[in-house]
Amino acid sequence: MDEKDSEVVVQYLKRKRLEEYLIENQKYLYRIAFSYVKNTDDAFEIVQNTIYKSLSSIKLLKDINSLKPWVTRILVNNCFDFLKSNSKIILSDEVFEKTNDDNKNILDKIVLKKALDKLSPKLKIIIILRFFEDFKIKDISQVLDMKENTVKTNLYKALKILKINLGEDLANV
């Protein structure tokens, strides 16, 4: 097998793994897209566009182990592109489905959602990826194309703002 043949095999294997990943994680992709656009049709369109872009650019993926951050970055960029004409990101209830603990009450979720809605889009996506999607700082930095220290700084800034916003929202309940 020569070098050209081995590259074809590698690309084939990367594509197969990507296809498996996309099938296994379609709900995750939809949930993230829906958290941005809060519209089923728009979210499906963004996910479809993400699938197309990731399949058509699989050759650019250098490390198959960073597939999730790579696809998520494409998805987030598609969401930002879609929302350029809109003034803000509206966080949907779908993101909160993962926090369906019995000991959390609905009022807490509403207050948290209102506090998150007050964050800038950049800070909001960091919070969503870190706490709702369990991304590591390293993965968030790949998704958002930021240095890890910048992600940490923005995460702490977002948490500080959330603490203030939660305090204000709880005082108004």
C-alpha atoms as a PDB file:
ATOM      1  CA  MET A   1       0.000   0.000   0.000  1.00  0.00           C
ATOM      2  CA  ASP A   2       1.510   3.302  -1.030  1.00  0.00           C
ATOM      3  CA  GLU A   3       1.151   6.681   0.697  1.00  0.00           C
ATOM      4  CA  LYS A   4      -1.766   7.770  -1.485  1.00  0.00           C
ATOM      5  CA  ASP A   5      -3.722   4.611  -0.703  1.00  0.00           C
ATOM      6  CA  SER A   6      -3.099   4.945   3.017  1.00  0.00           C
ATOM      7  CA  GLU A   7      -4.356   8.566   2.936  1.00  0.00           C
ATOM      8  CA  VAL A   8      -7.551   7.383   1.230  1.00  0.00           C
ATOM      9  CA  VAL A   9      -8.039   4.785   3.957  1.00  0.00           C
ATOM     10  CA  VAL A  10      -7.441   7.359   6.681  1.00  0.00           C
ATOM     11  CA  GLN A  11      -9.966   9.764   5.143  1.00  0.00           C
ATOM     12  CA  TYR A  12     -12.493   6.950   4.784  1.00  0.00           C
ATOM     13  CA  LEU A  13     -12.091   5.980   8.453  1.00  0.00           C
ATOM     14  CA  LYS A  14     -12.376   9.611   9.586  1.00  0.00           C
ATOM     15  CA  ARG A  15     -15.551  10.029   7.555  1.00  0.00           C
ATOM     16  CA  LYS A  16     -17.082   6.834   8.969  1.00  0.00           C
ATOM     17  CA  ARG A  17     -16.291   7.923  12.529  1.00  0.00           C
ATOM     18  CA  LEU A  18     -17.756  11.358  11.841  1.00  0.00           C
ATOM     19  CA  GLU A  19     -20.936   9.814  10.440  1.00  0.00           C
ATOM     20  CA  GLU A  20     -21.266   7.625  13.544  1.00  0.00           C
ATOM     21  CA  TYR A  21     -20.663  10.620  15.788  1.00  0.00           C
ATOM     22  CA  LEU A  22     -23.276  12.729  14.002  1.00  0.00           C
ATOM     23  CA  ILE A  23     -25.879   9.972  14.271  1.00  0.00           C
ATOM     24  CA  GLU A  24     -25.124   9.315  17.953  1.00  0.00           C
ATOM     25  CA  ASN A  25     -25.116  13.016  18.890  1.00  0.00           C
ATOM     26  CA  GLN A  26     -27.932  14.479  16.836  1.00  0.00           C
ATOM     27  CA  LYS A  27     -29.963  15.361  19.960  1.00  0.00           C
ATOM     28  CA  TYR A  28     -26.942  17.117  21.481  1.00  0.00           C
ATOM     29  CA  LEU A  29     -26.397  19.144  18.287  1.00  0.00           C
ATOM     30  CA  TYR A  30     -30.084  20.041  18.091  1.00  0.00           C
ATOM     31  CA  ARG A  31     -30.194  21.046  21.776  1.00  0.00           C
ATOM     32  CA  ILE A  32     -27.270  23.453  21.348  1.00  0.00           C
ATOM     33  CA  ALA A  33     -28.706  24.951  18.139  1.00  0.00           C
ATOM     34  CA  PHE A  34     -32.161  25.274  19.699  1.00  0.00           C
ATOM     35  CA  SER A  35     -30.691  27.013  22.745  1.00  0.00           C
ATOM     36  CA  TYR A  36     -29.530  29.752  20.387  1.00  0.00           C
ATOM     37  CA  VAL A  37     -32.454  30.187  18.028  1.00  0.00           C
ATOM     38  CA  LYS A  38     -35.397  28.852  20.087  1.00  0.00           C
ATOM     39  CA  ASN A  39     -37.103  27.746  16.892  1.00  0.00           C
ATOM     40  CA  THR A  40     -37.399  24.126  15.772  1.00  0.00           C
ATOM     41  CA  ASP A  41     -37.118  24.751  12.033  1.00  0.00           C
ATOM     42  CA  ASP A  42     -34.147  27.086  12.407  1.00  0.00           C
ATOM     43  CA  ALA A  43     -32.402  24.661  14.768  1.00  0.00           C
ATOM     44  CA  PHE A  44     -32.883  21.784  12.325  1.00  0.00           C
ATOM     45  CA  GLU A  45     -31.530  23.962   9.515  1.00  0.00           C
ATOM     46  CA  ILE A  46     -28.456  24.854  11.566  1.00  0.00           C
ATOM     47  CA  VAL A  47     -27.847  21.192  12.452  1.00  0.00           C
ATOM     48  CA  GLN A  48     -28.279  20.177   8.816  1.00  0.00           C
ATOM     49  CA  ASN A  49     -25.814  22.870   7.760  1.00  0.00           C
ATOM     50  CA  THR A  50     -23.394  21.702  10.458  1.00  0.00           C
ATOM     51  CA  ILE A  51     -23.614  18.123   9.206  1.00  0.00           C
ATOM     52  CA  TYR A  52     -22.994  19.234   5.645  1.00  0.00           C
ATOM     53  CA  LYS A  53     -20.041  21.455   6.585  1.00  0.00           C
ATOM     54  CA  SER A  54     -18.432  18.858   8.820  1.00  0.00           C
ATOM     55  CA  LEU A  55     -18.769  16.090   6.217  1.00  0.00           C
ATOM     56  CA  SER A  56     -17.471  18.291   3.434  1.00  0.00           C
ATOM     57  CA  SER A  57     -14.482  19.488   5.458  1.00  0.00           C
ATOM     58  CA  ILE A  58     -13.512  16.254   7.238  1.00  0.00           C
ATOM     59  CA  LYS A  59     -10.094  16.437   5.575  1.00  0.00           C
ATOM     60  CA  LEU A  60      -9.317  19.465   7.759  1.00  0.00           C
ATOM     61  CA  LEU A  61      -9.757  17.467  10.964  1.00  0.00           C
ATOM     62  CA  LYS A  62      -6.257  16.609  12.150  1.00  0.00           C
ATOM     63  CA  ASP A  63      -7.023  14.609  15.280  1.00  0.00           C
ATOM     64  CA  ILE A  64     -10.016  12.255  15.304  1.00  0.00           C
ATOM     65  CA  ASN A  65      -9.970  12.403  19.125  1.00  0.00           C
ATOM     66  CA  SER A  66     -11.016  16.063  18.989  1.00  0.00           C
ATOM     67  CA  LEU A  67     -14.120  15.297  16.934  1.00  0.00           C
ATOM     68  CA  LYS A  68     -16.648  16.633  19.485  1.00  0.00           C
ATOM     69  CA  PRO A  69     -15.005  20.063  19.911  1.00  0.00           C
ATOM     70  CA  TRP A  70     -14.436  20.297  16.151  1.00  0.00           C
ATOM     71  CA  VAL A  71     -18.094  19.601  15.269  1.00  0.00           C
ATOM     72  CA  THR A  72     -19.307  21.811  18.134  1.00  0.00           C
ATOM     73  CA  ARG A  73     -17.169  24.659  16.839  1.00  0.00           C
ATOM     74  CA  ILE A  74     -18.765  24.302  13.398  1.00  0.00           C
ATOM     75  CA  LEU A  75     -22.200  24.242  15.050  1.00  0.00           C
ATOM     76  CA  VAL A  76     -21.537  27.322  17.213  1.00  0.00           C
ATOM     77  CA  ASN A  77     -20.160  29.218  14.224  1.00  0.00           C
ATOM     78  CA  ASN A  78     -23.275  28.305  12.244  1.00  0.00           C
ATOM     79  CA  CYS A  79     -25.430  29.549  15.122  1.00  0.00           C
ATOM     80  CA  PHE A  80     -23.518  32.832  15.305  1.00  0.00           C
ATOM     81  CA  ASP A  81     -23.786  33.253  11.530  1.00  0.00           C
ATOM     82  CA  PHE A  82     -27.516  32.609  11.718  1.00  0.00           C
ATOM     83  CA  LEU A  83     -27.976  35.070  14.579  1.00  0.00           C
ATOM     84  CA  LYS A  84     -26.006  37.942  13.074  1.00  0.00           C
ATOM     85  CA  SER A  85     -29.292  39.497  12.042  1.00  0.00           C
ATOM     86  CA  ASN A  86     -30.776  38.979  15.536  1.00  0.00           C
ATOM     87  CA  SER A  87     -29.816  41.096  18.495  1.00  0.00           C
ATOM     88  CA  LYS A  88     -29.580  38.442  21.202  1.00  0.00           C
ATOM     89  CA  ILE A  89     -29.481  34.749  21.966  1.00  0.00           C
ATOM     90  CA  ILE A  90     -32.522  33.380  23.742  1.00  0.00           C
ATOM     91  CA  LEU A  91     -31.766  30.388  25.936  1.00  0.00           C
ATOM     92  CA  SER A  92     -34.346  27.638  25.548  1.00  0.00           C
ATOM     93  CA  ASP A  93     -35.813  25.194  28.031  1.00  0.00           C
ATOM     94  CA  GLU A  94     -34.112  22.351  26.108  1.00  0.00           C
ATOM     95  CA  VAL A  95     -30.748  23.203  27.660  1.00  0.00           C
ATOM     96  CA  PHE A  96     -32.300  22.828  31.097  1.00  0.00           C
ATOM     97  CA  GLU A  97     -33.624  19.313  30.419  1.00  0.00           C
ATOM     98  CA  LYS A  98     -30.260  17.920  31.519  1.00  0.00           C
ATOM     99  CA  THR A  99     -30.746  19.525  34.943  1.00  0.00           C
ATOM    100  CA  ASN A 100     -33.915  17.622  35.692  1.00  0.00           C
ATOM    101  CA  ASP A 101     -33.000  16.798  39.310  1.00  0.00           C
ATOM    102  CA  ASP A 102     -35.960  16.159  41.602  1.00  0.00           C
ATOM    103  CA  ASN A 103     -34.556  18.523  44.218  1.00  0.00           C
ATOM    104  CA  LYS A 104     -34.431  21.486  41.797  1.00  0.00           C
ATOM    105  CA  ASN A 105     -37.616  23.417  41.649  1.00  0.00           C
ATOM    106  CA  ILE A 106     -39.048  25.128  38.616  1.00  0.00           C
ATOM    107  CA  LEU A 107     -38.592  28.588  40.127  1.00  0.00           C
ATOM    108  CA  ASP A 108     -34.837  28.015  40.416  1.00  0.00           C
ATOM    109  CA  LYS A 109     -34.696  27.082  36.723  1.00  0.00           C
ATOM    110  CA  ILE A 110     -36.652  30.174  35.713  1.00  0.00           C
ATOM    111  CA  VAL A 111     -34.408  32.443  37.779  1.00  0.00           C
ATOM    112  CA  LEU A 112     -31.281  30.784  36.352  1.00  0.00           C
ATOM    113  CA  LYS A 113     -32.616  31.101  32.798  1.00  0.00           C
ATOM    114  CA  LYS A 114     -33.328  34.811  33.295  1.00  0.00           C
ATOM    115  CA  ALA A 115     -29.846  35.348  34.724  1.00  0.00           C
ATOM    116  CA  LEU A 116     -28.236  33.511  31.792  1.00  0.00           C
ATOM    117  CA  ASP A 117     -30.238  35.552  29.307  1.00  0.00           C
ATOM    118  CA  LYS A 118     -28.568  38.687  30.687  1.00  0.00           C
ATOM    119  CA  LEU A 119     -25.094  37.416  29.692  1.00  0.00           C
ATOM    120  CA  SER A 120     -23.416  38.318  26.425  1.00  0.00           C
ATOM    121  CA  PRO A 121     -23.465  35.554  23.776  1.00  0.00           C
ATOM    122  CA  LYS A 122     -19.746  34.853  24.297  1.00  0.00           C
ATOM    123  CA  LEU A 123     -20.131  34.389  28.047  1.00  0.00           C
ATOM    124  CA  LYS A 124     -23.374  32.461  27.685  1.00  0.00           C
ATOM    125  CA  ILE A 125     -21.895  29.830  25.357  1.00  0.00           C
ATOM    126  CA  ILE A 126     -18.983  29.300  27.749  1.00  0.00           C
ATOM    127  CA  ILE A 127     -21.421  28.643  30.612  1.00  0.00           C
ATOM    128  CA  ILE A 128     -23.577  26.344  28.452  1.00  0.00           C
ATOM    129  CA  LEU A 129     -20.635  24.312  27.205  1.00  0.00           C
ATOM    130  CA  ARG A 130     -18.976  24.060  30.615  1.00  0.00           C
ATOM    131  CA  PHE A 131     -21.908  23.377  32.914  1.00  0.00           C
ATOM    132  CA  PHE A 132     -24.695  22.029  30.722  1.00  0.00           C
ATOM    133  CA  GLU A 133     -22.635  20.062  28.185  1.00  0.00           C
ATOM    134  CA  ASP A 134     -19.713  19.121  30.504  1.00  0.00           C
ATOM    135  CA  PHE A 135     -16.967  20.431  28.212  1.00  0.00           C
ATOM    136  CA  LYS A 136     -13.488  20.820  29.624  1.00  0.00           C
ATOM    137  CA  ILE A 137     -11.755  24.202  29.436  1.00  0.00           C
ATOM    138  CA  LYS A 138      -9.414  22.813  26.773  1.00  0.00           C
ATOM    139  CA  ASP A 139     -12.367  21.733  24.597  1.00  0.00           C
ATOM    140  CA  ILE A 140     -14.133  25.076  25.018  1.00  0.00           C
ATOM    141  CA  SER A 141     -10.958  26.844  23.936  1.00  0.00           C
ATOM    142  CA  GLN A 142     -10.914  24.710  20.769  1.00  0.00           C
ATOM    143  CA  VAL A 143     -14.599  25.309  20.057  1.00  0.00           C
ATOM    144  CA  LEU A 144     -14.390  29.066  20.515  1.00  0.00           C
ATOM    145  CA  ASP A 145     -10.852  29.441  19.169  1.00  0.00           C
ATOM    146  CA  MET A 146      -9.658  31.109  22.368  1.00  0.00           C
ATOM    147  CA  LYS A 147      -6.672  30.515  24.597  1.00  0.00           C
ATOM    148  CA  GLU A 148      -7.442  28.393  27.641  1.00  0.00           C
ATOM    149  CA  ASN A 149      -6.604  31.276  29.993  1.00  0.00           C
ATOM    150  CA  THR A 150      -9.035  33.509  28.093  1.00  0.00           C
ATOM    151  CA  VAL A 151     -11.765  30.894  28.488  1.00  0.00           C
ATOM    152  CA  LYS A 152     -11.021  30.680  32.230  1.00  0.00           C
ATOM    153  CA  THR A 153     -11.094  34.462  32.580  1.00  0.00           C
ATOM    154  CA  ASN A 154     -14.398  34.677  30.710  1.00  0.00           C
ATOM    155  CA  LEU A 155     -15.822  31.767  32.715  1.00  0.00           C
ATOM    156  CA  TYR A 156     -15.014  33.485  36.012  1.00  0.00           C
ATOM    157  CA  LYS A 157     -16.371  36.765  34.666  1.00  0.00           C
ATOM    158  CA  ALA A 158     -19.602  35.027  33.602  1.00  0.00           C
ATOM    159  CA  LEU A 159     -19.940  33.330  36.993  1.00  0.00           C
ATOM    160  CA  LYS A 160     -19.434  36.655  38.774  1.00  0.00           C
ATOM    161  CA  ILE A 161     -22.109  38.297  36.596  1.00  0.00           C
ATOM    162  CA  LEU A 162     -24.429  35.325  37.135  1.00  0.00           C
ATOM    163  CA  LYS A 163     -23.984  35.618  40.892  1.00  0.00           C
ATOM    164  CA  ILE A 164     -24.992  39.287  40.706  1.00  0.00           C
ATOM    165  CA  ASN A 165     -27.881  38.576  38.320  1.00  0.00           C
ATOM    166  CA  LEU A 166     -29.112  35.674  40.438  1.00  0.00           C
ATOM    167  CA  GLY A 167     -29.012  37.856  43.521  1.00  0.00           C
ATOM    168  CA  GLU A 168     -31.083  40.527  41.778  1.00  0.00           C
ATOM    169  CA  ASP A 169     -33.543  38.004  40.345  1.00  0.00           C
ATOM    170  CA  LEU A 170     -33.988  36.216  43.653  1.00  0.00           C
ATOM    171  CA  ALA A 171     -34.593  39.544  45.381  1.00  0.00           C
ATOM    172  CA  ASN A 172     -37.384  40.233  42.881  1.00  0.00           C
ATOM    173  CA  VAL A 173     -39.166  36.897  43.433  1.00  0.00           C
END
